[in-house]
Amino acid sequence: MYGCLTQVQHRLPLFSPPSAMDEPVDVSYYLGGASAESLSSLDVAIGNGEIVSIDELPEDAHELIGFLQAEKCEVKYWVMVAQAYAQEGKAGDAQKIVQAALDQAHFSDSDRDLVRSVLGWVYLALASEGTDKSDNLARAAAEFANLDDSSPQVLSARAVMHLHEDHADQALQAFDKLLKADPANCFALMGKAQITLSKTQNYTSALKLYQQVLVLDPLMKPDPRLGIGLCFWFLKDRPMALSAWERALQLDPKSFKAKLLLNLASFDNVFTNSLSDEQFLEGYKRSLTELTHLQLEKTNDSVILLALASFYFSKGKHDLVEKIVGKVVSAFSADDKPSRKLSSFATKVLSQASFWLGRVAYAKEDFTQSQKYFHEAIRLNENNLLAKLGLGQSQLSRGSIEESLITFESILKTNPKCLEVNYCLGVLYAQQSSKTKQEQAIHMLERYIRLSNNRGLAVENKNEAEALLNKEPVALNAYLTLSKLYEPKDLSQSLVYLHKAIESRKQTGRDVPLEVYNNIGVFNFSKNSVDVAIENFELALKKLDDLKDAELQKDLKVTISYNLARSHEVSDQNKAIEMYNSLLQECPHYFSAKLRLLFLDAVSTNETSKEEIEKEIKELLAQNASDLEIRSFYGWFIKTFGKKIGLKPDADTVHQKETLVDFDSHDCYALISLANIYCVMANDLKSSKDEEKRKKYFVRAIELYTKVLSIDPKNVFAAQGLAIVYIENKEYHKGLDILRKIRDSLNDISVYLNLGHVLVELKQYSKAIESYEVAFVRYTDSQDVKIMGFLGRSWYLRGIAEKNLSYLKKALEYSEEALNKHSGRNGSLVFNVAFIQFQIAEFVSKLPVEQRTVEDINEAIINLNEAIQSLNKLASDDEKHPPFPKEDLKARANLGTNTLLNRLNVCLEETKENIAQLNNKLEEAKRLREEEEARKAQELESVLAEKRTKEEELAKERARLQEQAQQWAEEARANNIVADDSDDDKAFSEEGGKKKGKKQANGKKKGGKRKKKDFINDSDEEEEAQLTGGEDNAEEPPLGSDAEEEKPKATKRKRRAIEDDDEEKEEEEANGNKKKKAFKSEEMVEDSSDGDDDGLF
C-alpha cells in the first residue's frame, strides 16, 4: 500500500528564459522611431530644385543608394532612409546605406560624425538580433571611439554595449550620468529600469521608472508598457500586467514582444486556472496555435523554440526536442566567441536548453547523462529551480540517496514553499530508520499538504467549488506515508490521514485504491470499532472487480475476506465460521483461516473435542513445521488446555524451546512465552529456602524479555513482562516507569491493570483508581467482577490512609456491585463485603463524637448486622469452600456481636446526647443574641429621640432669630428714610453759598452716606454670621455680647444725624431738591439690595 517515491512532474514556468527581462534595451529609440511612418510623406529635394517623394522602401536598398548618390542629397535624407530600414527590421540594408553615406565626398566632418553615430547604432541593432554579435559589438565600439564621449548618443551607446557584455554596474553608471545631465532622458530611464528589473529584481522601483517614461513620452519606442507589464507580473498583479501588454499591442499591432508576453501569460493561465480537462485542452490548443503563429514571424527566437520543446516533450517526441534545443544552443554558440563572456540572457537560455536535454535523458532512463545536463543547467543559472529538482531526481534514480537528500535540502533553504521539494524530502526521510528523520518526514509532508491546500486560495475566482478545484492536488502517497508514520504512535491520526486520502481522491474525481479501505478497516478493528471495520472491508471487496490482474484480484480477495471474517467474530461468530470455511474451499492451504476455526472451536463452539483439535494442529505442524504462526498457536493451546488433555506439565516449555533451537532463535512469541513460564515458576517458589532458585528464574526471564526487545524494540508485551518482573521483586518504580512508557503503545487492558497494581503497592491510591477505571470503562462492558474487586480494594485502602468515611462507602459500593453481578454465590466476594462493613463500623466507632452523625452510625449498625450474618453463613456447615477457616470467621462474627455492635450503640447514645447538648447551646446562644439585639435597638431609639428633641429646639431658636432679624431690618429702613430727608434740606440751604462751602457740604453728605451704608452692612453681616453659627452649633447662645453692645450705639448715631439736619435751612430749589431725592432713592435701593443678598428676607 505504501508506494515509493513518485516522479515529480515539472511544470512549464511562464518566463523560462526571461527574454523581456534580460535582453539589452531596444536600440530603436536612436534609430528613429518615427522614420518608417514618415516615409509616406518624405520629400527629397534634388539638385535642379525638383521634389521627389518616396512612397515605400524598395526591396533592394541599392536603388535608394544610387538615387541618393546621383542627386547628392543632404546627409539628413541618408540618415532618415537608413533609420527607416532599421525600423523595418532590415538592419543589414540600413548598414549598406550608412556605409555608402560615409563614401560621399561632399559631406562635412560633422555630417560624417552623424553618419558614424548612426552606423554604430545599426551595428548595435545587428548585435541585438544575434547576427555576428561579437563582431558587430566590436565594430560599434570602433565607430563610437572616434566620436565625442560627452555626447548623449555616444554615452547611451556605451551603456548599451556594457549591457551586451553583462556589465550592469558600468551601464548603470552611464545611465545615471545621462540622467544627471537630463532627468527627462527617456532612453536612460528605460535602461535604468531594465537593469533594476532584471539585475536587482526591485520590481517596485523598476515600475516607477517605467511609469515615469510613460508620462514623459506615451508613444515612445520601445514601449515602456512592456516593462510595466513585467513589473506587475512579478508583483503578482496579473490583471494589470495583461492590461499593459494588451495596450502596447493595441498601439502597435506588430509588436512581437507584446504578442509573445501575452502568449506566455495565456499558457500560465491554462496551467494554473483550468477547472476541468476540457477547459485545459481548449485553452492549451489556443495558446499553442498563437505560439506557432509567432514562430512564423521569428523562426529562430529562443523563447518560442524552448516553449515548443516543452510541448513536444509532453508528446514524447524526445528526438525532436533534442533537435530544437540543439538549434538554440548552436545559435548562441555561433554568436559568441569561446573566449567571450556570455551575457545574462544567453546563460539563462542555455540553462533552459540544458534542462530540457536533461529531461530527455531522464525519460530515456540515462540517469548519468541527465545528471550531467542538470549540473550544466545549474552552472549556467544557479536559480534554475527545475534543474535542481531534476538533479535530485537523477541522483535518487541512480541510487545515490544521500546525494539527493543534500540536493533537496539545499533547494529547501532557498525555496521553502516549493511543493516538490517538500514532498520529496518527506518521502525520503520516511524511509530512514532514524526517529528524528521520521519526525522530519511528518513535518515535511504536512507542510506539503498545507501548501497544496493554500495554493487555491490565491486565485481570483472566489467561488467555493472552483477554488477547491483550483487547489494543487495532493499526491496520494503523501497521505499514505503520513498514515504509516503515525501508525506506531497515534492510530487515530493515522486513520485521519487515510480518510483525507479518500476525500482528496473523490474531490478530484479519481478512484480510491481498495488498499486504503482495507487499512482503514484494520485500524478500526484495532480500535474496537468493529462495525466501521466491517463497512470498510466490504467496500474493499466491492472494488476487487475493478482490478484487471486476475492473479492479484484473487490474492487480495483472500486477504480482505479473512479480515472481514475476523471482524465478524466479535458480533456474529456463525457468519465468521461460514466465511472461514468458504476461504478454505477456495484456498485449502490458507492455514490462517484454519487456525481461527480451531481457536473458535476450542474457546466457543466446543463442537470438537480438545484431543481432536490437538490432532488437527499437529497435522498442520507436520505440513508446515517451520511456520511460526502455527507453532505459536500450538504453544497457546498447550498452555491453555494441556492439563485437560493429559499433556506433561513441561509440554509448553519443551515446545517453545524446540521452536527456538530448531526453527528460529529470534521468534519473539516463543521467547516471551518461555519468559512467562520462568516468571510463573519463580512465583510458585514461596519458601525462603528457594530464594536463590527463584532469583535465577527471574534473571532468566529478564534475559529473554531483553532479547525480545533487542529484536523488536517496540514489543510492548516483552516490555510489560520486564515491568512485571521488576514489580515482583519490589522494584516498583522501575516497573512503573516501563508501564507508563508502554501505556500509549499497547492497546490492552493488562497494561492498565498492572499499572493499578503497582500504584496500589506504591500507595498512590487515587492514580491506581484512575487506571482501574480506564480498564473498566474502555475494555469491558462494565460488568467485570474482578476489576470491581480491584476498585473496591483501592477505595478501601485510600479511605483508611486518608481517614475518609466517604471513600470507605465507595469501596463498599464496588464490593456489593461485584457480589451482585457475579453469577452464583462466591464466598470471597461475600467476605469482602462483610470485611468492609466491619471496617466502616470500627472506623465510625473511633471517630470523635463531634464528627459522627446519627445517620452514619445507624447505617453502620445495619451494615454490621448484615456482616455478622454473612460471616455466620460462611462459618456454617453449608459453606464448602470458605475463604478463611470457619473458626476465624465465627470469632470475627462474635467480636462484632459482643463488642463492636455494643460500641456502636454507645456511640449512638453519645452522639444523640452530644447533639442534644449542641442544640441546647444553640438555643441559648440564639436567645442571648436576640436579647442583645433588642437592647441595641432600644439604645438606638433613645439616641434618635434625643436627637429629634434637640432638632425641634433648634428649629424654634432659628424661627425666633429670624423674626428678630426681620424686626431689626425694618427699623434700619425707617432710620434711612429720616436721614435722607435731613440731607436734602441741608443741601438746598447751601446751594447759593460759596464754592468752598459747597465742597464741604458735599463732603459731609458723602461721609454720611458711607456711615449709614457701613452700619447696615455691618449689622447684616453680624446677623448672618450669628444665624449661621446658630445653625451649625446649637449649644452656643443665639447672640454674642458684641451684638448687644452695637445696637444702642447705632441708635445714638442716627439720632445725632437727625438733630444736625434740623438746624440747616429748609428752603431748597425745586430742581435741585428733585434731583437729590432721586439720587438718595438710588442709594436706598442699593442698600436694600445689599441686605437682600444676605438671604435674610
Foldseek 3Di string as FASTA:
>chain_A
DQDADDDDDDDDDLCLQVVVQQQFDDLLLVLDPCLQVCLCVDWFQFDVRDTDHGRHQDPQLVVVLVVCLVRVTDLVVLSSVLSNCVNVVNLVSSLVSLVSVCPDPPDDPVSNLVSLLSNLSSLLSCLSVLNLNVVSLVSSVVSLVPDDCVDLSSLQSVLSSCSQLQNNVSSLVSLVVVCVVPVLPLSSLLRNLSCCCRPVVPLVVSLVSLVSSCVSPVPRPVHSLQSNLVSCVVVVNNVSSLVSLVVSCVSPVVPLSSLSSVLSVLLVCLVQQDLDPVSSVVSVVVSVVSLVVSCVVPVQDLSSLLVVLVVVVVVVVLVVSLVSLVSNVVSQPVNDDPVRDHRLSSLSSNLSSLQSVLVSCVVVVVLVSSLVSLVSSCVSPVPSLSSLLSNLVSCVSVVNLVVSLVSLVVSCVVCVLDLVSLQVQLSSLLPDPDPVSPVSSLVSLVSSVVSQLCSLVPDPDPPPLSSRSSGRQRDLSSLQSNLVSCVQFHLVVSLVSLVVSCVSCVSNPHDDQLVSLQVNLVSCVVQVVLVSSLVSLVVSLVCLVVDPDPVVSVVVNLVSLLSNLVSCCVPPVVVSLVSLVVSCVVPVLPCVSVLVNLVCCVPPVVPDPLVVSLVVLVVNCVVVVQDVVSLLSNLVSCVPCVVVVPHDPCPSVVSLVCNLPPHNVQDLSSLQSNLVVLQVVLVVPPDPVCPVVSVVSLVSSLVSLVSNCVVPVLPLSSLQSNLVSCVVVVVLVVSLVSLVVCVSRDPDLVSLQVNLVSCVVVVVLVVSLVSLVCSCPSPDPNLDLVSLLSNLVSLCSVCVVVVPLVSLVVSLVSLVSSCVSDDDHDQVSLLSNLVSLVVQLVSQLPDPLVPHDLVSLVVSLVSNVVSLVSLQVLLDPVNPDHPDHSVVSNVVSVCSVPPSNVSSVVSNVSSVVVVVVVVVVVVVVVVVVVVVVVVVVVVVVVVVVVVVVLVVVLVVVLVVLLVVVVVVVVVLLVLLVLLLLLLLQQQFQCVPDDPVVNVVSVVVVVVVLVVSLVLLLVLLVQSLVLSVVCVVDVVDDSHDPVNVVVVVVVVVVSVVSNVVSVPHHRHGDPVSSVVSVVVSVVSSVVSVVSSVVSVSD
